[in-house]
């Protein structure tokens, strides 16, 4: 059923799953964060998969590397938001570590993928 090139990419699939996890976690943040940290972390996590997809469709290799770079930056933004959420006691240490480790795994996959684009 896959019709788009990016659907086959493991990094896109993992980014999609990660974005949904972040969205669910952000729903637990206090209402005062609805337009601040909650919005920021959701937008950044969505940008990871969005940029992978955009870079994979009809782009030159340098363009695809550029969009993977954008995804990596968005993931770094999510990690920073997770640190903020932990410091503000919106998430537990165990949830933080789970998401942090997933992010670390994804960023390593994206970095390796970017290096292999010739």
N, C-alpha and C. Protein backbone atom coordinates (compact mmCIF):
# COMPACT_ATOMS: atom_id res chain seq x y z
N UNK A 1 0.82 -1.20 0.00
CA UNK A 1 0.00 0.00 0.00
C UNK A 1 0.87 1.26 0.00
N UNK A 2 2.16 1.11 0.24
CA UNK A 2 3.05 2.28 0.27
C UNK A 2 3.14 2.89 -1.13
N UNK A 3 2.82 4.16 -1.22
CA UNK A 3 2.85 4.83 -2.50
C UNK A 3 3.91 5.92 -2.56
N UNK A 4 4.34 6.38 -1.40
CA UNK A 4 5.35 7.43 -1.34
C UNK A 4 6.66 6.85 -0.85
N UNK A 5 7.74 7.33 -1.42
CA UNK A 5 9.08 6.84 -1.09
C UNK A 5 9.37 6.91 0.42
N UNK A 6 8.95 7.99 1.06
CA UNK A 6 9.28 8.17 2.48
C UNK A 6 8.61 7.16 3.38
N UNK A 7 7.49 6.58 2.95
CA UNK A 7 6.78 5.60 3.78
C UNK A 7 7.63 4.37 4.07
N UNK A 8 8.57 4.09 3.18
CA UNK A 8 9.44 2.93 3.34
C UNK A 8 10.61 3.21 4.28
N UNK A 9 10.87 4.47 4.56
CA UNK A 9 12.02 4.84 5.38
C UNK A 9 11.75 4.55 6.86
N UNK A 10 12.62 3.76 7.46
CA UNK A 10 12.49 3.43 8.89
C UNK A 10 12.56 4.70 9.73
N UNK A 11 13.41 5.65 9.34
CA UNK A 11 13.51 6.88 10.13
C UNK A 11 12.20 7.67 10.10
N UNK A 12 11.50 7.64 8.98
CA UNK A 12 10.20 8.31 8.90
C UNK A 12 9.19 7.59 9.79
N UNK A 13 9.17 6.26 9.73
CA UNK A 13 8.24 5.47 10.55
C UNK A 13 8.49 5.71 12.03
N UNK A 14 9.78 5.71 12.42
CA UNK A 14 10.11 5.95 13.84
C UNK A 14 9.75 7.38 14.24
N UNK A 15 9.99 8.33 13.36
CA UNK A 15 9.65 9.73 13.65
C UNK A 15 8.13 9.90 13.81
N UNK A 16 7.37 9.19 12.99
CA UNK A 16 5.90 9.24 13.11
C UNK A 16 5.47 8.71 14.47
N UNK A 17 6.00 7.56 14.87
CA UNK A 17 5.65 6.96 16.17
C UNK A 17 6.07 7.87 17.32
N UNK A 18 7.28 8.41 17.22
CA UNK A 18 7.80 9.30 18.27
C UNK A 18 6.92 10.54 18.40
N UNK A 19 6.51 11.10 17.28
CA UNK A 19 5.64 12.27 17.31
C UNK A 19 4.32 11.99 18.02
N UNK A 20 3.78 10.81 17.81
CA UNK A 20 2.52 10.45 18.48
C UNK A 20 2.72 10.27 19.98
N UNK A 21 3.86 9.70 20.37
CA UNK A 21 4.17 9.57 21.79
C UNK A 21 4.29 10.94 22.45
N UNK A 22 4.98 11.84 21.77
CA UNK A 22 5.14 13.20 22.30
C UNK A 22 3.79 13.89 22.42
N UNK A 23 2.96 13.72 21.42
CA UNK A 23 1.62 14.33 21.46
C UNK A 23 0.83 13.83 22.67
N UNK A 24 0.89 12.55 22.92
CA UNK A 24 0.17 11.98 24.07
C UNK A 24 0.72 12.50 25.40
N UNK A 25 2.03 12.56 25.51
CA UNK A 25 2.66 13.05 26.74
C UNK A 25 2.30 14.52 26.98
N UNK A 26 2.29 15.31 25.92
CA UNK A 26 2.03 16.75 26.07
C UNK A 26 0.61 17.03 26.56
N UNK A 27 -0.29 16.10 26.35
CA UNK A 27 -1.67 16.28 26.84
C UNK A 27 -1.73 16.31 28.36
N UNK A 28 -0.68 15.79 29.00
CA UNK A 28 -0.63 15.76 30.47
C UNK A 28 -0.05 17.04 31.06
N UNK A 29 0.50 17.91 30.21
CA UNK A 29 1.06 19.16 30.71
C UNK A 29 -0.08 20.03 31.23
N UNK A 30 0.22 20.93 32.15
CA UNK A 30 -0.84 21.81 32.68
C UNK A 30 -1.44 22.71 31.59
N UNK A 31 -2.67 23.14 31.81
CA UNK A 31 -3.36 24.00 30.85
C UNK A 31 -2.57 25.26 30.52
N UNK A 32 -1.83 25.78 31.50
CA UNK A 32 -1.08 27.02 31.26
C UNK A 32 -0.01 26.84 30.19
N UNK A 33 0.34 25.59 29.87
CA UNK A 33 1.35 25.31 28.85
C UNK A 33 0.75 25.03 27.47
N UNK A 34 -0.57 25.09 27.36
CA UNK A 34 -1.25 24.75 26.10
C UNK A 34 -0.67 25.50 24.90
N UNK A 35 -0.43 26.79 25.05
CA UNK A 35 0.07 27.59 23.94
C UNK A 35 1.57 27.85 24.03
N UNK A 36 2.21 27.20 24.99
CA UNK A 36 3.65 27.37 25.17
C UNK A 36 4.36 26.04 24.93
N UNK A 37 4.77 25.39 26.00
CA UNK A 37 5.59 24.19 25.87
C UNK A 37 4.85 23.06 25.15
N UNK A 38 3.58 22.86 25.43
CA UNK A 38 2.82 21.79 24.76
C UNK A 38 2.80 22.00 23.25
N UNK A 39 2.49 23.21 22.86
CA UNK A 39 2.45 23.53 21.43
C UNK A 39 3.83 23.38 20.79
N UNK A 40 4.84 23.88 21.47
CA UNK A 40 6.20 23.85 20.93
C UNK A 40 6.70 22.43 20.73
N UNK A 41 6.51 21.58 21.73
CA UNK A 41 7.02 20.21 21.63
C UNK A 41 6.26 19.42 20.56
N UNK A 42 4.97 19.67 20.42
CA UNK A 42 4.18 18.97 19.39
C UNK A 42 4.59 19.43 18.00
N UNK A 43 4.75 20.73 17.81
CA UNK A 43 5.15 21.23 16.49
C UNK A 43 6.54 20.71 16.11
N UNK A 44 7.45 20.72 17.07
CA UNK A 44 8.81 20.25 16.79
C UNK A 44 8.81 18.75 16.48
N UNK A 45 8.05 17.98 17.24
CA UNK A 45 8.04 16.53 16.99
C UNK A 45 7.38 16.20 15.66
N UNK A 46 6.36 16.95 15.28
CA UNK A 46 5.74 16.75 13.97
C UNK A 46 6.71 17.12 12.85
N UNK A 47 7.52 18.14 13.07
CA UNK A 47 8.46 18.59 12.04
C UNK A 47 9.51 17.54 11.69
N UNK A 48 9.78 16.64 12.61
CA UNK A 48 10.78 15.60 12.33
C UNK A 48 10.34 14.78 11.12
N UNK A 49 9.16 14.18 11.20
CA UNK A 49 8.66 13.34 10.10
C UNK A 49 8.31 14.18 8.87
N UNK A 50 7.78 15.38 9.10
CA UNK A 50 7.41 16.23 7.97
C UNK A 50 8.63 16.57 7.10
N UNK A 51 9.74 16.89 7.72
CA UNK A 51 10.93 17.23 6.96
C UNK A 51 11.56 16.02 6.29
N UNK A 52 11.49 14.87 6.93
CA UNK A 52 11.98 13.65 6.28
C UNK A 52 11.17 13.40 5.01
N UNK A 53 9.86 13.52 5.11
CA UNK A 53 8.99 13.30 3.95
C UNK A 53 9.27 14.33 2.86
N UNK A 54 9.33 15.59 3.24
CA UNK A 54 9.54 16.64 2.24
C UNK A 54 10.87 16.47 1.52
N UNK A 55 11.90 16.09 2.26
CA UNK A 55 13.21 15.91 1.64
C UNK A 55 13.31 14.71 0.73
N UNK A 56 12.42 13.75 0.89
CA UNK A 56 12.53 12.51 0.11
C UNK A 56 11.77 12.57 -1.21
N UNK A 57 10.96 13.57 -1.41
CA UNK A 57 10.13 13.64 -2.61
C UNK A 57 10.75 14.56 -3.65
N UNK A 58 11.27 13.96 -4.69
CA UNK A 58 11.76 14.71 -5.84
C UNK A 58 12.85 15.72 -5.55
N UNK A 59 13.60 15.49 -4.51
CA UNK A 59 14.66 16.42 -4.16
C UNK A 59 16.00 15.87 -4.63
N UNK A 60 16.93 16.77 -4.87
CA UNK A 60 18.30 16.35 -5.15
C UNK A 60 18.91 15.82 -3.85
N UNK A 61 20.01 15.13 -3.96
CA UNK A 61 20.67 14.61 -2.76
C UNK A 61 21.07 15.72 -1.79
N UNK A 62 21.64 16.83 -2.26
CA UNK A 62 21.95 17.91 -1.31
C UNK A 62 20.70 18.46 -0.62
N UNK A 63 19.60 18.53 -1.36
CA UNK A 63 18.35 19.00 -0.76
C UNK A 63 17.85 18.00 0.28
N UNK A 64 17.93 16.71 -0.03
CA UNK A 64 17.48 15.70 0.92
C UNK A 64 18.33 15.76 2.19
N UNK A 65 19.64 15.92 2.05
CA UNK A 65 20.52 16.06 3.23
C UNK A 65 20.11 17.28 4.05
N UNK A 66 19.77 18.37 3.36
CA UNK A 66 19.36 19.59 4.06
C UNK A 66 18.10 19.34 4.89
N UNK A 67 17.12 18.66 4.32
CA UNK A 67 15.88 18.40 5.05
C UNK A 67 16.08 17.42 6.20
N UNK A 68 16.97 16.45 6.04
CA UNK A 68 17.30 15.57 7.17
C UNK A 68 17.94 16.40 8.28
N UNK A 69 18.75 17.37 7.89
CA UNK A 69 19.34 18.30 8.88
C UNK A 69 18.26 19.06 9.64
N UNK A 70 17.23 19.49 8.93
CA UNK A 70 16.11 20.17 9.60
C UNK A 70 15.44 19.22 10.60
N UNK A 71 15.29 17.96 10.20
CA UNK A 71 14.68 16.97 11.10
C UNK A 71 15.52 16.77 12.35
N UNK A 72 16.82 16.72 12.17
CA UNK A 72 17.72 16.54 13.31
C UNK A 72 17.60 17.73 14.26
N UNK A 73 17.52 18.93 13.71
CA UNK A 73 17.36 20.13 14.54
C UNK A 73 16.03 20.11 15.29
N UNK A 74 14.99 19.66 14.63
CA UNK A 74 13.68 19.56 15.29
C UNK A 74 13.73 18.55 16.43
N UNK A 75 14.43 17.46 16.22
CA UNK A 75 14.56 16.46 17.28
C UNK A 75 15.33 17.04 18.47
N UNK A 76 16.36 17.82 18.20
CA UNK A 76 17.10 18.48 19.29
C UNK A 76 16.18 19.43 20.05
N UNK A 77 15.30 20.09 19.35
CA UNK A 77 14.33 20.98 19.99
C UNK A 77 13.38 20.18 20.89
N UNK A 78 12.93 19.03 20.43
CA UNK A 78 12.06 18.18 21.24
C UNK A 78 12.79 17.76 22.52
N UNK A 79 14.05 17.35 22.39
CA UNK A 79 14.82 16.92 23.56
C UNK A 79 14.92 18.08 24.56
N UNK A 80 15.16 19.28 24.08
CA UNK A 80 15.23 20.43 24.98
C UNK A 80 13.89 20.66 25.67
N UNK A 81 12.80 20.50 24.93
CA UNK A 81 11.47 20.62 25.54
C UNK A 81 11.25 19.54 26.59
N UNK A 82 11.76 18.34 26.34
CA UNK A 82 11.65 17.27 27.33
C UNK A 82 12.40 17.62 28.61
N UNK A 83 13.58 18.21 28.47
CA UNK A 83 14.31 18.67 29.64
C UNK A 83 13.49 19.71 30.41
N UNK A 84 12.87 20.64 29.68
CA UNK A 84 12.02 21.66 30.31
C UNK A 84 10.86 20.99 31.06
N UNK A 85 10.22 20.04 30.41
CA UNK A 85 9.08 19.35 31.02
C UNK A 85 9.50 18.59 32.28
N UNK A 86 10.66 17.99 32.24
CA UNK A 86 11.16 17.27 33.42
C UNK A 86 11.46 18.25 34.55
N UNK A 87 12.13 19.35 34.22
CA UNK A 87 12.47 20.35 35.24
C UNK A 87 11.23 20.96 35.88
N UNK A 88 10.17 21.06 35.10
CA UNK A 88 8.92 21.64 35.61
C UNK A 88 8.01 20.58 36.22
N UNK A 89 8.50 19.36 36.28
CA UNK A 89 7.79 18.22 36.89
C UNK A 89 6.49 17.89 36.15
N UNK A 90 6.50 18.06 34.82
CA UNK A 90 5.35 17.66 34.01
C UNK A 90 5.46 16.21 33.58
N UNK A 91 6.69 15.69 33.58
CA UNK A 91 6.93 14.28 33.26
C UNK A 91 7.87 13.70 34.31
N UNK A 92 7.75 12.40 34.51
CA UNK A 92 8.62 11.72 35.47
C UNK A 92 9.99 11.47 34.85
N UNK A 93 10.92 11.14 35.70
CA UNK A 93 12.26 10.79 35.24
C UNK A 93 12.22 9.59 34.31
N UNK A 94 11.40 8.61 34.61
CA UNK A 94 11.36 7.40 33.77
C UNK A 94 10.78 7.71 32.38
N UNK A 95 9.75 8.53 32.31
CA UNK A 95 9.20 8.93 31.00
C UNK A 95 10.23 9.74 30.24
N UNK A 96 10.90 10.66 30.95
CA UNK A 96 11.95 11.45 30.32
C UNK A 96 13.01 10.54 29.71
N UNK A 97 13.50 9.58 30.50
CA UNK A 97 14.57 8.70 30.03
C UNK A 97 14.13 7.84 28.85
N UNK A 98 12.90 7.37 28.88
CA UNK A 98 12.37 6.57 27.76
C UNK A 98 12.38 7.40 26.48
N UNK A 99 11.82 8.61 26.54
CA UNK A 99 11.74 9.46 25.36
C UNK A 99 13.12 9.97 24.94
N UNK A 100 13.96 10.28 25.91
CA UNK A 100 15.32 10.73 25.63
C UNK A 100 16.09 9.64 24.87
N UNK A 101 15.98 8.41 25.34
CA UNK A 101 16.67 7.30 24.69
C UNK A 101 16.13 7.03 23.29
N UNK A 102 14.82 7.15 23.12
CA UNK A 102 14.23 7.01 21.78
C UNK A 102 14.77 8.11 20.85
N UNK A 103 14.81 9.33 21.36
CA UNK A 103 15.32 10.45 20.57
C UNK A 103 16.77 10.22 20.18
N UNK A 104 17.56 9.72 21.10
CA UNK A 104 18.98 9.46 20.84
C UNK A 104 19.13 8.41 19.73
N UNK A 105 18.31 7.38 19.81
CA UNK A 105 18.33 6.33 18.79
C UNK A 105 17.93 6.90 17.42
N UNK A 106 16.89 7.69 17.39
CA UNK A 106 16.41 8.27 16.13
C UNK A 106 17.45 9.23 15.55
N UNK A 107 18.05 10.06 16.38
CA UNK A 107 19.03 11.03 15.85
C UNK A 107 20.25 10.31 15.28
N UNK A 108 20.65 9.21 15.89
CA UNK A 108 21.75 8.42 15.34
C UNK A 108 21.38 7.79 14.01
N UNK A 109 20.15 7.31 13.90
CA UNK A 109 19.67 6.76 12.63
C UNK A 109 19.63 7.83 11.55
N UNK A 110 19.13 9.01 11.89
CA UNK A 110 19.04 10.09 10.91
C UNK A 110 20.42 10.56 10.49
N UNK A 111 21.35 10.64 11.41
CA UNK A 111 22.71 11.06 11.08
C UNK A 111 23.37 10.07 10.13
N UNK A 112 23.19 8.78 10.39
CA UNK A 112 23.75 7.75 9.53
C UNK A 112 23.08 7.80 8.15
N UNK A 113 21.78 7.99 8.12
CA UNK A 113 21.05 8.09 6.86
C UNK A 113 21.58 9.28 6.04
N UNK A 114 21.75 10.41 6.70
CA UNK A 114 22.22 11.62 6.01
C UNK A 114 23.62 11.40 5.42
N UNK A 115 24.48 10.74 6.18
CA UNK A 115 25.85 10.47 5.70
C UNK A 115 25.85 9.57 4.46
N UNK A 116 24.85 8.71 4.35
CA UNK A 116 24.80 7.77 3.23
C UNK A 116 24.13 8.33 1.98
N UNK A 117 23.61 9.53 2.05
CA UNK A 117 23.04 10.17 0.86
C UNK A 117 24.21 10.72 0.06
N UNK A 118 24.40 10.21 -1.11
CA UNK A 118 25.56 10.61 -1.94
C UNK A 118 25.22 11.73 -2.87
